[in-house]
Amino acid sequence: MKNKLHVKKGDNVYVLSGKDRGKKGKVLDVIPSKRMVIVEGINMVTRHVKPRNQYQQGGLVNQEAPIYVDKVMLVCDKCGAPTKVGKKYLENGSKARVCKKCGEIIDIVKDTTD
């Protein structure tokens, strides 16, 4: 079974729960097999990094960690509010993601096998 998520790389999302509740950020990476996303500036963790070669510096590095996709909600570009995502078929047969609050088309989905 194919794991389909309601957000894609590059989407702006709103965090619903956790230590970063209420913050907005851009999706940097999507991990469908684990149902997780990495959001810019959200769920920052400290990693201890060893220098791997002579020119690389080791130390503490702050980076984003994955969070579950169920904890984020897509932010509509048109109305600016966190919203659920709907699907709609257009006249030409292609499928689009639609904002449930304002009804505007967010983007066109390339994969029409579903």
N, C-alpha and C. Protein backbone atom coordinates (compact mmCIF):
# COMPACT_ATOMS: atom_id res chain seq x y z
N MET A 1 0.83 -1.18 0.00
CA MET A 1 0.00 0.00 0.00
C MET A 1 0.87 1.25 0.00
N LYS A 2 0.51 2.21 -0.81
CA LYS A 2 1.26 3.43 -0.92
C LYS A 2 0.87 4.39 0.20
N ASN A 3 1.87 4.96 0.88
CA ASN A 3 1.60 5.91 1.97
C ASN A 3 1.44 7.30 1.38
N LYS A 4 0.25 7.84 1.44
CA LYS A 4 -0.02 9.18 0.92
C LYS A 4 -0.25 10.12 2.09
N LEU A 5 0.36 11.28 2.02
CA LEU A 5 0.26 12.27 3.07
C LEU A 5 -0.43 13.52 2.54
N HIS A 6 -0.99 14.32 3.44
CA HIS A 6 -1.71 15.52 3.03
C HIS A 6 -0.79 16.73 2.81
N VAL A 7 0.50 16.59 3.10
CA VAL A 7 1.45 17.68 2.86
C VAL A 7 2.56 17.20 1.94
N LYS A 8 3.18 18.15 1.24
CA LYS A 8 4.28 17.84 0.34
C LYS A 8 5.47 18.72 0.69
N LYS A 9 6.61 18.41 0.12
CA LYS A 9 7.80 19.21 0.31
C LYS A 9 7.55 20.62 -0.24
N GLY A 10 7.88 21.63 0.55
CA GLY A 10 7.68 23.01 0.13
C GLY A 10 6.41 23.65 0.66
N ASP A 11 5.49 22.86 1.23
CA ASP A 11 4.26 23.41 1.81
C ASP A 11 4.56 24.16 3.10
N ASN A 12 3.75 25.18 3.38
CA ASN A 12 3.80 25.85 4.68
C ASN A 12 2.79 25.17 5.59
N VAL A 13 3.24 24.84 6.82
CA VAL A 13 2.39 24.11 7.74
C VAL A 13 2.34 24.81 9.10
N TYR A 14 1.29 24.49 9.87
CA TYR A 14 1.06 24.99 11.22
C TYR A 14 1.15 23.80 12.16
N VAL A 15 1.91 23.93 13.25
CA VAL A 15 2.09 22.83 14.19
C VAL A 15 0.95 22.82 15.20
N LEU A 16 0.25 21.68 15.32
CA LEU A 16 -0.93 21.56 16.17
C LEU A 16 -0.61 21.19 17.61
N SER A 17 0.43 20.40 17.85
CA SER A 17 0.72 19.95 19.21
C SER A 17 2.21 19.75 19.38
N GLY A 18 2.62 19.68 20.64
CA GLY A 18 4.02 19.47 20.96
C GLY A 18 4.65 20.74 21.50
N LYS A 19 5.97 20.72 21.67
CA LYS A 19 6.66 21.86 22.26
C LYS A 19 6.66 23.08 21.34
N ASP A 20 6.45 22.89 20.06
CA ASP A 20 6.42 24.00 19.10
C ASP A 20 5.00 24.33 18.63
N ARG A 21 3.99 24.03 19.45
CA ARG A 21 2.60 24.28 19.09
C ARG A 21 2.37 25.75 18.75
N GLY A 22 1.68 25.99 17.63
CA GLY A 22 1.35 27.34 17.22
C GLY A 22 2.33 27.96 16.25
N LYS A 23 3.46 27.31 16.00
CA LYS A 23 4.46 27.85 15.09
C LYS A 23 4.15 27.42 13.66
N LYS A 24 4.65 28.22 12.70
CA LYS A 24 4.51 27.89 11.29
C LYS A 24 5.89 27.68 10.70
N GLY A 25 5.97 26.84 9.68
CA GLY A 25 7.23 26.58 9.02
C GLY A 25 7.03 25.91 7.68
N LYS A 26 8.12 25.79 6.94
CA LYS A 26 8.10 25.19 5.61
C LYS A 26 8.58 23.75 5.70
N VAL A 27 7.92 22.85 4.98
CA VAL A 27 8.29 21.43 4.98
C VAL A 27 9.57 21.27 4.15
N LEU A 28 10.62 20.76 4.81
CA LEU A 28 11.90 20.56 4.13
C LEU A 28 12.00 19.16 3.52
N ASP A 29 11.41 18.17 4.19
CA ASP A 29 11.51 16.80 3.71
C ASP A 29 10.31 16.00 4.20
N VAL A 30 9.91 15.00 3.43
CA VAL A 30 8.78 14.14 3.77
C VAL A 30 9.26 12.70 3.80
N ILE A 31 8.89 11.97 4.86
CA ILE A 31 9.25 10.56 5.00
C ILE A 31 7.95 9.76 5.05
N PRO A 32 7.38 9.38 3.88
CA PRO A 32 6.08 8.71 3.86
C PRO A 32 6.06 7.37 4.56
N SER A 33 7.15 6.61 4.52
CA SER A 33 7.16 5.29 5.13
C SER A 33 6.98 5.35 6.65
N LYS A 34 7.46 6.42 7.28
CA LYS A 34 7.31 6.60 8.72
C LYS A 34 6.21 7.60 9.06
N ARG A 35 5.54 8.17 8.06
CA ARG A 35 4.51 9.19 8.24
C ARG A 35 5.03 10.39 9.02
N MET A 36 6.22 10.86 8.62
CA MET A 36 6.87 11.97 9.31
C MET A 36 7.28 13.05 8.31
N VAL A 37 7.43 14.27 8.82
CA VAL A 37 7.92 15.39 8.03
C VAL A 37 8.97 16.14 8.83
N ILE A 38 9.88 16.82 8.12
CA ILE A 38 10.86 17.69 8.75
C ILE A 38 10.47 19.11 8.37
N VAL A 39 10.23 19.95 9.39
CA VAL A 39 9.76 21.31 9.19
C VAL A 39 10.85 22.28 9.61
N GLU A 40 11.06 23.31 8.81
CA GLU A 40 12.11 24.30 9.05
C GLU A 40 11.89 25.02 10.38
N GLY A 41 12.86 24.93 11.29
CA GLY A 41 12.82 25.62 12.57
C GLY A 41 11.95 24.97 13.63
N ILE A 42 11.40 23.80 13.36
CA ILE A 42 10.50 23.11 14.29
C ILE A 42 11.18 21.85 14.81
N ASN A 43 10.99 21.54 16.10
CA ASN A 43 11.54 20.35 16.75
C ASN A 43 13.07 20.32 16.63
N MET A 44 13.70 21.42 17.05
CA MET A 44 15.15 21.53 16.98
C MET A 44 15.79 20.65 18.07
N VAL A 45 16.79 19.88 17.69
CA VAL A 45 17.52 19.02 18.61
C VAL A 45 19.01 19.30 18.47
N THR A 46 19.76 18.95 19.50
CA THR A 46 21.20 19.14 19.49
C THR A 46 21.88 17.82 19.21
N ARG A 47 22.73 17.79 18.21
CA ARG A 47 23.48 16.59 17.85
C ARG A 47 24.96 16.81 18.17
N HIS A 48 25.61 15.77 18.68
CA HIS A 48 27.04 15.79 18.92
C HIS A 48 27.71 15.21 17.68
N VAL A 49 28.52 16.01 17.00
CA VAL A 49 29.12 15.60 15.73
C VAL A 49 30.62 15.45 15.91
N LYS A 50 31.15 14.32 15.45
CA LYS A 50 32.59 14.10 15.45
C LYS A 50 33.18 14.60 14.13
N PRO A 51 34.37 15.14 14.16
CA PRO A 51 35.00 15.52 12.89
C PRO A 51 35.37 14.26 12.10
N ARG A 52 34.94 14.18 10.85
CA ARG A 52 35.16 12.99 10.04
C ARG A 52 36.48 13.04 9.26
N ASN A 53 36.99 14.24 9.05
CA ASN A 53 38.29 14.35 8.39
C ASN A 53 39.06 15.51 9.01
N GLN A 54 40.21 15.78 8.49
CA GLN A 54 41.12 16.77 9.06
C GLN A 54 40.55 18.18 8.99
N TYR A 55 39.72 18.48 8.00
CA TYR A 55 39.25 19.84 7.78
C TYR A 55 37.86 20.10 8.35
N GLN A 56 37.17 19.05 8.78
CA GLN A 56 35.82 19.21 9.32
C GLN A 56 35.90 19.45 10.82
N GLN A 57 35.06 20.37 11.30
CA GLN A 57 35.05 20.69 12.71
C GLN A 57 33.93 19.93 13.42
N GLY A 58 34.24 19.39 14.59
CA GLY A 58 33.24 18.69 15.38
C GLY A 58 32.58 19.64 16.35
N GLY A 59 31.65 19.12 17.16
CA GLY A 59 31.00 19.95 18.16
C GLY A 59 29.51 19.70 18.20
N LEU A 60 28.79 20.68 18.75
CA LEU A 60 27.35 20.59 18.87
C LEU A 60 26.69 21.27 17.68
N VAL A 61 25.72 20.58 17.09
CA VAL A 61 25.00 21.10 15.92
C VAL A 61 23.51 21.06 16.22
N ASN A 62 22.82 22.19 16.01
CA ASN A 62 21.37 22.23 16.14
C ASN A 62 20.75 21.93 14.78
N GLN A 63 19.80 21.00 14.74
CA GLN A 63 19.13 20.67 13.49
C GLN A 63 17.70 20.23 13.76
N GLU A 64 16.91 20.22 12.69
CA GLU A 64 15.51 19.82 12.81
C GLU A 64 15.40 18.30 12.87
N ALA A 65 14.47 17.82 13.70
CA ALA A 65 14.18 16.40 13.78
C ALA A 65 12.79 16.17 13.20
N PRO A 66 12.50 14.97 12.71
CA PRO A 66 11.17 14.70 12.14
C PRO A 66 10.07 14.74 13.18
N ILE A 67 8.86 15.16 12.76
CA ILE A 67 7.67 15.08 13.59
C ILE A 67 6.60 14.36 12.79
N TYR A 68 5.61 13.81 13.49
CA TYR A 68 4.56 13.09 12.82
C TYR A 68 3.69 14.04 12.00
N VAL A 69 3.28 13.58 10.84
CA VAL A 69 2.49 14.39 9.92
C VAL A 69 1.12 14.70 10.51
N ASP A 70 0.65 13.89 11.46
CA ASP A 70 -0.64 14.14 12.10
C ASP A 70 -0.61 15.39 12.98
N LYS A 71 0.57 15.86 13.34
CA LYS A 71 0.70 17.02 14.20
C LYS A 71 0.79 18.33 13.43
N VAL A 72 0.73 18.28 12.09
CA VAL A 72 0.81 19.51 11.30
C VAL A 72 -0.43 19.66 10.42
N MET A 73 -0.74 20.91 10.10
CA MET A 73 -1.88 21.22 9.25
C MET A 73 -1.42 22.21 8.18
N LEU A 74 -1.84 21.99 6.97
CA LEU A 74 -1.45 22.84 5.85
C LEU A 74 -1.99 24.25 6.03
N VAL A 75 -1.16 25.26 5.69
CA VAL A 75 -1.59 26.66 5.71
C VAL A 75 -1.88 27.06 4.27
N CYS A 76 -3.10 27.53 4.03
CA CYS A 76 -3.51 27.95 2.70
C CYS A 76 -2.81 29.26 2.34
N ASP A 77 -2.28 29.35 1.12
CA ASP A 77 -1.61 30.57 0.66
C ASP A 77 -2.60 31.70 0.42
N LYS A 78 -3.81 31.37 0.02
CA LYS A 78 -4.80 32.39 -0.33
C LYS A 78 -5.41 33.03 0.91
N CYS A 79 -5.93 32.21 1.85
CA CYS A 79 -6.60 32.76 3.03
C CYS A 79 -5.67 32.87 4.24
N GLY A 80 -4.52 32.20 4.22
CA GLY A 80 -3.54 32.31 5.29
C GLY A 80 -3.91 31.57 6.57
N ALA A 81 -4.92 30.73 6.52
CA ALA A 81 -5.36 30.01 7.71
C ALA A 81 -4.99 28.53 7.61
N PRO A 82 -4.74 27.87 8.76
CA PRO A 82 -4.55 26.42 8.74
C PRO A 82 -5.85 25.75 8.31
N THR A 83 -5.74 24.79 7.41
CA THR A 83 -6.95 24.21 6.84
C THR A 83 -6.75 22.73 6.53
N LYS A 84 -7.87 22.03 6.41
CA LYS A 84 -7.84 20.66 5.92
C LYS A 84 -7.70 20.70 4.40
N VAL A 85 -7.25 19.59 3.85
CA VAL A 85 -7.03 19.52 2.41
C VAL A 85 -8.09 18.63 1.79
N GLY A 86 -8.73 19.13 0.75
CA GLY A 86 -9.70 18.33 0.01
C GLY A 86 -9.17 18.02 -1.38
N LYS A 87 -9.78 17.06 -2.03
CA LYS A 87 -9.41 16.70 -3.41
C LYS A 87 -10.56 17.06 -4.32
N LYS A 88 -10.23 17.51 -5.53
CA LYS A 88 -11.26 17.91 -6.49
C LYS A 88 -10.76 17.59 -7.89
N TYR A 89 -11.64 17.02 -8.71
CA TYR A 89 -11.29 16.74 -10.10
C TYR A 89 -11.68 17.94 -10.96
N LEU A 90 -10.76 18.36 -11.81
CA LEU A 90 -11.00 19.50 -12.69
C LEU A 90 -11.61 19.02 -14.00
N GLU A 91 -12.02 19.98 -14.85
CA GLU A 91 -12.67 19.64 -16.13
C GLU A 91 -11.76 18.84 -17.04
N ASN A 92 -10.45 19.11 -16.99
CA ASN A 92 -9.52 18.41 -17.89
C ASN A 92 -9.13 17.03 -17.36
N GLY A 93 -9.71 16.59 -16.23
CA GLY A 93 -9.45 15.25 -15.71
C GLY A 93 -8.34 15.19 -14.68
N SER A 94 -7.62 16.28 -14.46
CA SER A 94 -6.56 16.27 -13.46
C SER A 94 -7.14 16.50 -12.07
N LYS A 95 -6.39 16.09 -11.05
CA LYS A 95 -6.84 16.20 -9.67
C LYS A 95 -6.11 17.36 -9.00
N ALA A 96 -6.80 18.09 -8.13
CA ALA A 96 -6.22 19.24 -7.45
C ALA A 96 -6.44 19.14 -5.95
N ARG A 97 -5.51 19.72 -5.18
CA ARG A 97 -5.70 19.86 -3.74
C ARG A 97 -6.43 21.17 -3.50
N VAL A 98 -7.46 21.15 -2.64
CA VAL A 98 -8.33 22.30 -2.44
C VAL A 98 -8.37 22.66 -0.97
N CYS A 99 -8.38 23.96 -0.66
CA CYS A 99 -8.54 24.46 0.70
C CYS A 99 -10.00 24.28 1.12
N LYS A 100 -10.23 23.65 2.27
CA LYS A 100 -11.59 23.41 2.74
C LYS A 100 -12.25 24.68 3.28
N LYS A 101 -11.46 25.69 3.67
CA LYS A 101 -12.03 26.91 4.24
C LYS A 101 -12.49 27.89 3.17
N CYS A 102 -11.59 28.19 2.20
CA CYS A 102 -11.94 29.20 1.19
C CYS A 102 -12.32 28.59 -0.15
N GLY A 103 -12.04 27.30 -0.36
CA GLY A 103 -12.42 26.63 -1.60
C GLY A 103 -11.46 26.85 -2.77
N GLU A 104 -10.36 27.58 -2.54
CA GLU A 104 -9.40 27.85 -3.61
C GLU A 104 -8.52 26.62 -3.87
N ILE A 105 -8.05 26.52 -5.10
CA ILE A 105 -7.16 25.42 -5.48
C ILE A 105 -5.75 25.73 -4.96
N ILE A 106 -5.17 24.78 -4.22
CA ILE A 106 -3.82 24.95 -3.69
C ILE A 106 -2.80 24.60 -4.76
N ASP A 107 -2.92 23.42 -5.35
CA ASP A 107 -2.06 23.03 -6.46
C ASP A 107 -2.66 21.83 -7.18
N ILE A 108 -2.11 21.53 -8.35
CA ILE A 108 -2.55 20.41 -9.17
C ILE A 108 -1.68 19.20 -8.82
N VAL A 109 -2.32 18.07 -8.58
CA VAL A 109 -1.61 16.83 -8.26
C VAL A 109 -1.21 16.16 -9.55
N LYS A 110 0.06 15.78 -9.66
CA LYS A 110 0.55 15.15 -10.89
C LYS A 110 0.07 13.71 -11.04
N ASP A 111 0.08 12.96 -9.92
CA ASP A 111 -0.29 11.55 -9.96
C ASP A 111 -1.80 11.41 -9.97
N THR A 112 -2.37 10.89 -11.06
CA THR A 112 -3.82 10.72 -11.16
C THR A 112 -4.24 9.25 -11.12
N THR A 113 -3.35 8.38 -10.58
CA THR A 113 -3.67 6.95 -10.52
C THR A 113 -4.62 6.62 -9.39
N ASP A 114 -4.80 7.54 -8.44
CA ASP A 114 -5.67 7.29 -7.28
C ASP A 114 -7.12 7.56 -7.62
